[in-house]
N, C-alpha and C. Protein backbone atom coordinates (compact mmCIF):
# COMPACT_ATOMS: atom_id res chain seq x y z
N MET A 1 -24.52 -1.94 7.79
CA MET A 1 -24.29 -1.81 6.56
C MET A 1 -23.38 -2.64 5.95
N ASP A 2 -23.73 -3.03 4.41
CA ASP A 2 -22.83 -3.79 4.09
C ASP A 2 -21.63 -2.71 3.12
N ALA A 3 -20.26 -3.46 3.49
CA ALA A 3 -19.39 -2.30 2.90
C ALA A 3 -19.53 -2.15 1.16
N ALA A 4 -20.30 -3.13 0.54
CA ALA A 4 -20.28 -2.92 -0.92
C ALA A 4 -20.96 -1.55 -1.40
N ARG A 5 -21.87 -1.14 -0.63
CA ARG A 5 -22.50 0.14 -0.45
C ARG A 5 -21.50 1.41 -0.95
N ILE A 6 -20.19 1.21 -0.26
CA ILE A 6 -19.39 2.30 -0.12
C ILE A 6 -18.03 2.00 -0.86
N MET A 7 -17.77 0.87 -1.32
CA MET A 7 -16.76 0.45 -2.11
C MET A 7 -16.36 1.11 -3.11
N THR A 8 -14.97 1.37 -3.44
CA THR A 8 -14.58 2.10 -4.76
C THR A 8 -14.47 1.25 -5.68
N ARG A 9 -15.25 1.17 -6.71
CA ARG A 9 -15.71 0.10 -7.63
C ARG A 9 -14.49 0.01 -8.57
N PHE A 10 -13.87 1.03 -9.06
CA PHE A 10 -13.00 1.33 -10.08
C PHE A 10 -11.75 1.38 -9.33
N VAL A 11 -10.79 -0.01 -9.14
CA VAL A 11 -9.79 -0.03 -8.61
C VAL A 11 -8.55 0.02 -9.39
N ILE A 12 -7.50 1.02 -9.02
CA ILE A 12 -6.81 1.36 -9.88
C ILE A 12 -5.34 0.45 -9.06
N SER A 13 -4.78 -0.27 -9.98
CA SER A 13 -3.56 -1.11 -9.33
C SER A 13 -2.53 -0.95 -10.36
N VAL A 14 -1.22 -1.53 -9.82
CA VAL A 14 0.02 -1.48 -10.74
C VAL A 14 0.58 -3.02 -10.73
N THR A 15 1.52 -3.42 -11.60
CA THR A 15 2.08 -4.65 -11.77
C THR A 15 3.04 -4.63 -10.86
N PRO A 16 3.58 -5.75 -10.56
CA PRO A 16 4.86 -5.96 -9.92
C PRO A 16 6.10 -5.19 -10.19
N THR A 17 6.06 -5.15 -11.63
CA THR A 17 7.28 -4.44 -12.47
C THR A 17 7.26 -2.96 -12.74
N ALA A 18 5.96 -2.44 -12.32
CA ALA A 18 5.75 -1.02 -12.54
C ALA A 18 6.95 -0.16 -11.63
N SER A 19 7.51 0.89 -12.32
CA SER A 19 9.00 1.61 -11.83
C SER A 19 8.42 2.60 -10.95
N MET A 20 9.24 2.83 -10.17
CA MET A 20 8.88 3.91 -8.98
C MET A 20 8.18 4.96 -9.70
N THR A 21 8.70 5.56 -10.74
CA THR A 21 8.26 6.73 -11.62
C THR A 21 6.71 6.49 -11.95
N GLU A 22 6.69 5.25 -12.35
CA GLU A 22 4.90 4.69 -12.73
C GLU A 22 4.12 4.79 -11.54
N ILE A 23 4.60 4.46 -10.51
CA ILE A 23 3.87 4.41 -9.37
C ILE A 23 3.55 5.88 -8.87
N ALA A 24 4.54 6.60 -8.84
CA ALA A 24 4.36 8.14 -8.47
C ALA A 24 3.36 8.71 -9.35
N LYS A 25 3.57 8.34 -10.45
CA LYS A 25 2.57 9.11 -11.56
C LYS A 25 1.02 8.49 -11.30
N THR A 26 0.90 7.42 -11.11
CA THR A 26 -0.44 6.75 -10.96
C THR A 26 -0.82 7.35 -9.68
N LEU A 27 -0.20 7.41 -8.64
CA LEU A 27 -0.80 8.16 -7.47
C LEU A 27 -1.07 9.67 -7.44
N ALA A 28 -0.17 10.29 -8.25
CA ALA A 28 -0.52 11.72 -8.56
C ALA A 28 -1.76 12.19 -9.50
N ARG A 29 -1.60 11.48 -10.63
CA ARG A 29 -2.77 11.49 -11.72
C ARG A 29 -4.07 10.95 -10.97
N SER A 30 -4.18 9.89 -10.13
CA SER A 30 -5.54 9.46 -9.73
C SER A 30 -5.84 10.09 -8.41
N ALA A 31 -5.10 10.87 -7.73
CA ALA A 31 -5.23 11.57 -6.47
C ALA A 31 -5.27 10.56 -5.31
N ILE A 32 -4.61 9.50 -5.36
CA ILE A 32 -4.66 8.50 -4.33
C ILE A 32 -3.21 8.49 -3.55
N SER A 33 -3.29 7.90 -2.39
CA SER A 33 -1.95 7.78 -1.60
C SER A 33 -1.55 6.29 -1.42
N GLY A 34 -2.28 5.57 -2.07
CA GLY A 34 -1.62 3.96 -2.03
C GLY A 34 -2.09 3.18 -3.21
N VAL A 35 -1.55 2.28 -3.63
CA VAL A 35 -2.15 1.51 -4.73
C VAL A 35 -1.79 -0.10 -4.67
N PRO A 36 -2.86 -0.92 -4.88
CA PRO A 36 -2.67 -2.28 -5.05
C PRO A 36 -1.50 -2.79 -5.86
N VAL A 37 -1.02 -3.80 -5.63
CA VAL A 37 0.16 -4.42 -6.57
C VAL A 37 -0.35 -5.81 -6.82
N CYS A 38 -0.89 -6.22 -8.13
CA CYS A 38 -1.65 -7.30 -8.58
C CYS A 38 -0.96 -7.98 -9.61
N GLU A 39 -0.89 -9.34 -9.77
CA GLU A 39 -0.51 -10.03 -10.84
C GLU A 39 -1.48 -9.87 -12.03
N ALA A 40 -0.89 -10.35 -13.08
CA ALA A 40 -1.78 -10.26 -14.16
C ALA A 40 -3.18 -10.94 -13.96
N ASP A 41 -3.39 -11.78 -13.40
CA ASP A 41 -4.93 -12.63 -13.15
C ASP A 41 -5.62 -11.86 -11.99
N GLY A 42 -4.96 -10.76 -11.39
CA GLY A 42 -5.66 -9.87 -10.53
C GLY A 42 -5.38 -10.51 -9.04
N THR A 43 -4.44 -11.43 -8.76
CA THR A 43 -4.20 -11.96 -7.68
C THR A 43 -3.54 -10.73 -7.02
N LEU A 44 -3.91 -10.30 -5.57
CA LEU A 44 -3.42 -9.04 -4.79
C LEU A 44 -1.99 -9.71 -4.11
N ILE A 45 -0.63 -9.01 -4.21
CA ILE A 45 0.49 -9.48 -3.82
C ILE A 45 1.17 -8.59 -2.73
N GLY A 46 0.54 -7.28 -2.81
CA GLY A 46 1.11 -6.36 -2.08
C GLY A 46 0.49 -4.92 -2.19
N ILE A 47 0.94 -3.83 -1.53
CA ILE A 47 0.55 -2.55 -1.64
C ILE A 47 1.75 -1.64 -1.52
N VAL A 48 1.67 -0.50 -2.31
CA VAL A 48 2.63 0.41 -2.22
C VAL A 48 2.00 1.76 -1.92
N THR A 49 2.21 2.59 -0.93
CA THR A 49 2.02 3.72 -0.60
C THR A 49 2.98 5.03 -0.72
N GLU A 50 2.40 6.06 -0.66
CA GLU A 50 3.49 7.22 -0.70
C GLU A 50 4.43 7.08 0.25
N GLY A 51 4.25 6.70 1.33
CA GLY A 51 5.58 6.65 2.48
C GLY A 51 6.54 5.42 1.77
N ASP A 52 5.89 4.47 1.41
CA ASP A 52 6.91 3.59 0.59
C ASP A 52 7.58 4.07 -0.28
N LEU A 53 7.40 5.11 -1.31
CA LEU A 53 8.16 5.94 -2.26
C LEU A 53 9.04 6.66 -1.47
N VAL A 54 8.59 7.35 -0.32
CA VAL A 54 9.46 8.26 0.00
C VAL A 54 10.54 7.58 0.93
N ARG A 55 10.35 6.65 1.55
CA ARG A 55 11.34 5.80 2.46
C ARG A 55 12.65 5.72 1.95
N PRO A 56 12.76 5.39 0.79
CA PRO A 56 14.34 5.06 0.18
C PRO A 56 14.82 6.47 0.03
N LEU A 57 14.23 7.54 0.04
CA LEU A 57 14.79 8.75 0.06
C LEU A 57 15.61 9.48 1.25
N MET A 58 15.24 8.63 2.12
CA MET A 58 15.54 9.28 3.89
C MET A 58 17.02 9.02 3.93
N ARG A 59 17.48 10.28 4.26
CA ARG A 59 19.07 10.67 4.48
C ARG A 59 19.47 9.53 5.62
N SER A 60 18.68 9.38 6.74
CA SER A 60 19.20 8.42 7.75
C SER A 60 19.21 7.20 7.28
N ARG A 61 18.53 6.65 6.43
CA ARG A 61 18.48 5.23 5.94
C ARG A 61 19.77 5.19 5.45
N GLU A 62 20.21 5.94 4.58
CA GLU A 62 21.42 5.77 3.76
C GLU A 62 22.69 5.70 4.77
N LYS A 63 22.61 6.61 5.87
CA LYS A 63 23.57 6.59 7.01
C LYS A 63 23.99 5.27 7.56
N ARG A 64 22.76 4.90 7.91
CA ARG A 64 22.68 3.40 8.39
C ARG A 64 23.32 2.21 7.40
N ARG A 65 23.04 2.43 6.39
CA ARG A 65 23.35 1.43 5.43
C ARG A 65 24.93 1.71 5.20
N GLU A 66 25.55 2.94 5.41
CA GLU A 66 26.96 2.95 5.21
C GLU A 66 27.50 2.29 6.18
N TRP A 67 27.14 2.60 7.73
CA TRP A 67 27.60 1.91 8.67
C TRP A 67 27.69 0.46 8.89
N TRP A 68 26.61 0.04 8.39
CA TRP A 68 26.61 -1.62 8.32
C TRP A 68 27.70 -1.94 7.35
N LEU A 69 27.73 -1.33 6.11
CA LEU A 69 28.66 -2.00 5.17
C LEU A 69 29.97 -1.90 5.45
N ARG A 70 30.36 -0.61 6.27
CA ARG A 70 31.72 -0.66 7.12
C ARG A 70 32.15 -1.73 7.95
N HIS A 71 30.79 -1.83 8.91
CA HIS A 71 30.87 -2.94 10.03
C HIS A 71 31.16 -4.46 9.29
N LEU A 72 30.37 -4.69 8.50
CA LEU A 72 30.70 -5.94 7.50
C LEU A 72 31.87 -6.46 7.04
N ALA A 73 32.32 -4.95 6.54
CA ALA A 73 33.55 -5.11 5.51
C ALA A 73 34.87 -5.50 6.62
N GLY A 74 34.71 -4.98 7.81
CA GLY A 74 35.88 -5.28 8.85
C GLY A 74 36.95 -4.81 8.19
N GLY A 75 37.11 -3.48 7.75
CA GLY A 75 38.42 -3.00 7.09
C GLY A 75 38.82 -3.63 5.90
N SER A 76 37.87 -4.46 5.49
CA SER A 76 38.44 -4.82 3.78
C SER A 76 37.54 -4.08 2.86
N ASP A 77 38.00 -4.03 1.68
CA ASP A 77 37.26 -3.36 0.62
C ASP A 77 36.18 -4.17 0.00
N LEU A 78 35.10 -3.59 -0.10
CA LEU A 78 33.98 -4.56 -0.78
C LEU A 78 34.10 -4.31 -2.24
N ALA A 79 33.60 -5.39 -2.92
CA ALA A 79 33.71 -5.42 -4.40
C ALA A 79 32.74 -4.23 -4.95
N PRO A 80 33.24 -3.21 -5.94
CA PRO A 80 32.14 -2.22 -6.34
C PRO A 80 31.00 -2.69 -6.59
N GLU A 81 30.91 -3.73 -7.36
CA GLU A 81 29.69 -4.34 -7.83
C GLU A 81 28.54 -4.43 -6.59
N PHE A 82 29.28 -5.35 -5.74
CA PHE A 82 28.33 -5.55 -4.49
C PHE A 82 27.91 -4.20 -3.70
N LEU A 83 28.75 -3.32 -3.67
CA LEU A 83 28.43 -1.78 -3.35
C LEU A 83 27.16 -1.13 -3.83
N SER A 84 27.39 -1.37 -5.31
CA SER A 84 26.35 -0.98 -6.09
C SER A 84 25.23 -1.42 -6.05
N TYR A 85 24.90 -2.69 -5.85
CA TYR A 85 23.82 -3.34 -5.52
C TYR A 85 23.29 -3.36 -4.43
N VAL A 86 23.99 -3.09 -3.16
CA VAL A 86 23.48 -2.63 -1.98
C VAL A 86 23.07 -1.41 -1.86
N ARG A 87 23.88 -0.49 -2.58
CA ARG A 87 23.48 0.94 -2.29
C ARG A 87 22.01 1.24 -3.25
N GLY A 88 21.90 0.48 -4.31
CA GLY A 88 20.74 0.70 -5.23
C GLY A 88 19.41 0.98 -4.36
N ASN A 89 18.57 1.89 -4.66
CA ASN A 89 17.33 2.18 -4.46
C ASN A 89 16.30 0.98 -4.96
N PRO A 90 15.56 0.85 -4.31
CA PRO A 90 14.40 -0.18 -4.74
C PRO A 90 13.74 0.53 -6.05
N SER A 91 13.63 -0.17 -7.09
CA SER A 91 13.15 0.40 -8.42
C SER A 91 11.82 -0.22 -8.93
N THR A 92 11.21 -1.11 -8.44
CA THR A 92 9.97 -1.49 -9.05
C THR A 92 8.87 -1.67 -7.95
N ALA A 93 7.65 -1.95 -8.30
CA ALA A 93 6.62 -2.26 -6.89
C ALA A 93 7.12 -3.52 -6.21
N ARG A 94 7.56 -4.35 -6.94
CA ARG A 94 7.86 -5.65 -6.22
C ARG A 94 8.89 -5.30 -5.12
N ASP A 95 9.97 -4.40 -5.50
CA ASP A 95 10.91 -3.81 -4.35
C ASP A 95 10.59 -3.33 -3.22
N LEU A 96 9.36 -2.22 -3.44
CA LEU A 96 8.83 -1.40 -2.66
C LEU A 96 7.73 -1.78 -1.69
N MET A 97 7.13 -2.80 -2.46
CA MET A 97 5.55 -2.84 -1.75
C MET A 97 5.49 -3.81 -0.35
N ARG A 98 4.61 -3.69 0.38
CA ARG A 98 4.56 -4.30 1.73
C ARG A 98 3.59 -5.51 1.24
N THR A 99 3.99 -6.85 1.82
CA THR A 99 3.05 -7.77 1.52
C THR A 99 2.18 -8.00 2.64
N ASP A 100 2.23 -7.73 3.81
CA ASP A 100 1.36 -8.02 4.76
C ASP A 100 0.25 -7.04 4.81
N VAL A 101 -0.67 -7.21 3.92
CA VAL A 101 -1.83 -6.30 3.32
C VAL A 101 -3.09 -6.61 4.18
N VAL A 102 -3.55 -5.96 5.03
CA VAL A 102 -4.95 -6.19 5.64
C VAL A 102 -6.03 -6.17 4.88
N THR A 103 -6.82 -7.31 4.40
CA THR A 103 -7.77 -7.56 3.39
C THR A 103 -9.06 -7.77 4.00
N ALA A 104 -10.15 -7.70 3.33
CA ALA A 104 -11.42 -7.94 3.62
C ALA A 104 -11.95 -8.74 2.71
N PRO A 105 -13.06 -9.66 2.84
CA PRO A 105 -14.01 -10.24 1.75
C PRO A 105 -15.10 -9.13 1.56
N GLU A 106 -15.83 -9.44 0.26
CA GLU A 106 -16.92 -8.67 -0.22
C GLU A 106 -18.24 -8.54 1.09
N SER A 107 -18.22 -9.49 1.83
CA SER A 107 -19.35 -9.46 2.65
C SER A 107 -19.02 -8.70 4.20
N ALA A 108 -18.11 -8.05 4.07
CA ALA A 108 -17.53 -7.57 5.26
C ALA A 108 -18.58 -6.12 5.60
N SER A 109 -18.78 -5.91 6.58
CA SER A 109 -19.86 -4.56 6.84
C SER A 109 -18.84 -3.33 7.07
N VAL A 110 -19.34 -2.30 7.12
CA VAL A 110 -18.58 -0.96 7.01
C VAL A 110 -18.03 -0.89 8.44
N ALA A 111 -18.61 -1.51 9.37
CA ALA A 111 -18.37 -1.39 10.83
C ALA A 111 -16.95 -2.39 10.90
N ASP A 112 -16.88 -3.50 10.38
CA ASP A 112 -15.80 -4.33 10.58
C ASP A 112 -14.77 -3.72 9.53
N ILE A 113 -14.74 -3.16 8.51
CA ILE A 113 -13.80 -2.35 7.85
C ILE A 113 -13.18 -1.16 8.47
N ALA A 114 -14.18 -0.55 9.08
CA ALA A 114 -13.68 0.72 10.13
C ALA A 114 -12.70 0.21 11.13
N GLU A 115 -13.16 -0.94 11.66
CA GLU A 115 -12.48 -1.67 12.88
C GLU A 115 -11.04 -2.24 12.24
N LEU A 116 -10.81 -2.70 11.17
CA LEU A 116 -9.50 -3.01 10.76
C LEU A 116 -8.92 -1.88 10.58
N MET A 117 -9.13 -0.86 10.07
CA MET A 117 -8.39 0.30 9.57
C MET A 117 -8.08 0.93 10.76
N MET A 118 -8.69 0.94 11.97
CA MET A 118 -8.30 1.71 13.08
C MET A 118 -7.26 0.84 13.74
N LYS A 119 -7.64 -0.68 14.00
CA LYS A 119 -6.65 -1.47 14.71
C LYS A 119 -5.41 -1.49 13.96
N HIS A 120 -5.23 -1.54 12.65
CA HIS A 120 -3.88 -1.80 11.92
C HIS A 120 -3.41 -0.15 11.53
N ASP A 121 -4.06 0.82 11.87
CA ASP A 121 -3.75 2.13 11.31
C ASP A 121 -3.39 2.35 9.91
N ILE A 122 -4.20 1.85 9.23
CA ILE A 122 -4.13 1.87 7.76
C ILE A 122 -5.44 2.86 7.26
N LYS A 123 -5.08 3.12 5.80
CA LYS A 123 -5.90 4.00 5.08
C LYS A 123 -6.82 3.27 4.03
N ARG A 124 -6.52 2.24 3.74
CA ARG A 124 -7.25 1.28 2.66
C ARG A 124 -7.37 -0.19 3.10
N VAL A 125 -8.44 -0.63 2.62
CA VAL A 125 -8.43 -2.19 2.86
C VAL A 125 -9.06 -2.69 1.40
N PRO A 126 -8.00 -3.56 0.85
CA PRO A 126 -8.50 -4.03 -0.52
C PRO A 126 -9.51 -5.17 0.01
N ILE A 127 -10.54 -5.59 -1.21
CA ILE A 127 -11.67 -6.34 -0.96
C ILE A 127 -11.33 -7.56 -1.90
N LEU A 128 -10.93 -8.75 -1.36
CA LEU A 128 -10.81 -9.86 -2.20
C LEU A 128 -12.27 -10.66 -2.41
N ARG A 129 -11.92 -11.37 -3.55
CA ARG A 129 -12.93 -12.37 -3.90
C ARG A 129 -11.87 -13.44 -4.32
N ASN A 130 -11.94 -14.77 -3.77
CA ASN A 130 -11.21 -15.94 -4.05
C ASN A 130 -9.67 -15.32 -4.25
N GLY A 131 -9.19 -14.46 -3.38
CA GLY A 131 -7.80 -14.08 -3.58
C GLY A 131 -7.47 -13.03 -4.36
N LYS A 132 -8.60 -12.55 -5.49
CA LYS A 132 -8.31 -11.76 -6.30
C LYS A 132 -8.86 -10.40 -5.93
N LEU A 133 -8.41 -9.32 -6.22
CA LEU A 133 -8.76 -7.87 -5.87
C LEU A 133 -9.84 -7.38 -6.77
N VAL A 134 -11.11 -7.26 -6.16
CA VAL A 134 -12.23 -6.88 -6.76
C VAL A 134 -12.71 -5.34 -6.37
N ARG A 135 -12.42 -4.92 -5.17
CA ARG A 135 -12.89 -3.36 -4.93
C ARG A 135 -11.69 -2.65 -3.72
N ILE A 136 -11.88 -1.64 -3.36
CA ILE A 136 -11.00 -1.35 -2.26
C ILE A 136 -11.80 -0.33 -1.53
N VAL A 137 -11.64 -0.28 -0.37
CA VAL A 137 -12.49 0.74 0.53
C VAL A 137 -11.30 1.56 1.21
N THR A 138 -11.33 2.99 0.90
CA THR A 138 -10.63 3.71 1.70
C THR A 138 -11.08 4.30 2.62
N ARG A 139 -10.39 5.06 3.90
CA ARG A 139 -10.84 5.98 4.73
C ARG A 139 -12.15 7.13 4.33
N ALA A 140 -11.68 7.62 3.11
CA ALA A 140 -12.58 8.52 2.53
C ALA A 140 -14.13 7.88 1.97
N ASP A 141 -14.03 6.79 1.74
CA ASP A 141 -15.40 6.27 1.41
C ASP A 141 -16.31 6.59 2.51
N PRO A 142 -16.25 5.96 3.89
CA PRO A 142 -17.36 6.11 4.62
C PRO A 142 -17.62 7.80 4.66
N VAL A 143 -16.50 8.55 4.94
CA VAL A 143 -16.99 9.82 4.85
C VAL A 143 -17.65 10.40 3.64
N LYS A 144 -17.54 10.00 2.44
CA LYS A 144 -18.11 10.33 1.19
C LYS A 144 -19.69 9.79 1.55
N MET A 145 -19.94 8.91 1.99
CA MET A 145 -21.21 8.03 2.27
C MET A 145 -22.08 9.06 3.07
N LEU A 146 -21.29 9.32 4.04
CA LEU A 146 -22.02 10.31 5.28
C LEU A 146 -22.35 11.56 4.82
N ALA A 147 -21.46 12.24 3.91
CA ALA A 147 -21.71 13.37 3.38
C ALA A 147 -23.22 13.42 2.44
N ARG A 148 -23.25 12.33 1.77
CA ARG A 148 -24.39 11.97 0.71
C ARG A 148 -25.65 11.94 1.46
N ASP A 149 -25.41 10.77 2.43
CA ASP A 149 -26.71 10.50 3.31
C ASP A 149 -26.24 10.22 4.86
N PRO A 150 -26.63 11.18 5.78
CA PRO A 150 -25.95 11.16 7.06
C PRO A 150 -26.87 10.02 7.78
N GLU A 151 -27.72 9.53 7.33
CA GLU A 151 -28.63 8.39 7.98
C GLU A 151 -28.08 6.89 7.44
N ALA A 152 -27.18 7.04 6.60
CA ALA A 152 -26.86 5.92 5.94
C ALA A 152 -25.76 4.86 6.78
N LEU A 153 -25.06 5.55 7.52
CA LEU A 153 -24.12 4.86 8.48
C LEU A 153 -24.85 4.75 9.81
N PRO A 154 -24.55 3.49 10.52
CA PRO A 154 -24.94 3.33 11.67
C PRO A 154 -24.35 4.29 12.89
N ALA A 155 -25.60 4.69 13.84
CA ALA A 155 -24.83 5.54 14.87
C ALA A 155 -23.90 4.60 15.72
N PRO A 156 -22.94 5.65 16.33
CA PRO A 156 -21.95 4.92 17.14
C PRO A 156 -22.82 4.31 18.48
N SER A 157 -22.00 3.02 18.74
CA SER A 157 -22.57 2.44 19.99
C SER A 157 -21.74 3.21 21.02
N VAL A 158 -22.61 3.17 22.41
CA VAL A 158 -22.25 3.65 23.58
C VAL A 158 -21.25 2.89 24.13
């Protein structure tokens, strides 16, 4: 089965300059767990997930950062401006996004996309046409298709 039958047709995305707050509001308002980051022309440059938003808040990360700062300083005081910069949390989609996005072409089959999701342990696969984001397939899409039409998806091979 062609993945075009199950793709999410209206793709919500953010720009690279979207703030953490804007991204969080977009995810919450749209009830999604990740959002593609696209340039104005639709070129996909990354993806931000709920995990990416939560990661900077981790206490263990902050402790590691403090250890490295002390280690690098070697007993010297570091400039307050440098410390402020290094301690600063990522603030935009460009700072937070992952750029190693697994994508697929429009011609990909449901089986191909499912294999990508399992192999890379991901929940969504952006669908590209000439490098531009046109659709997205999430793990929920095949489930929704199965709920609508149990015969639509191919039977698992043995």
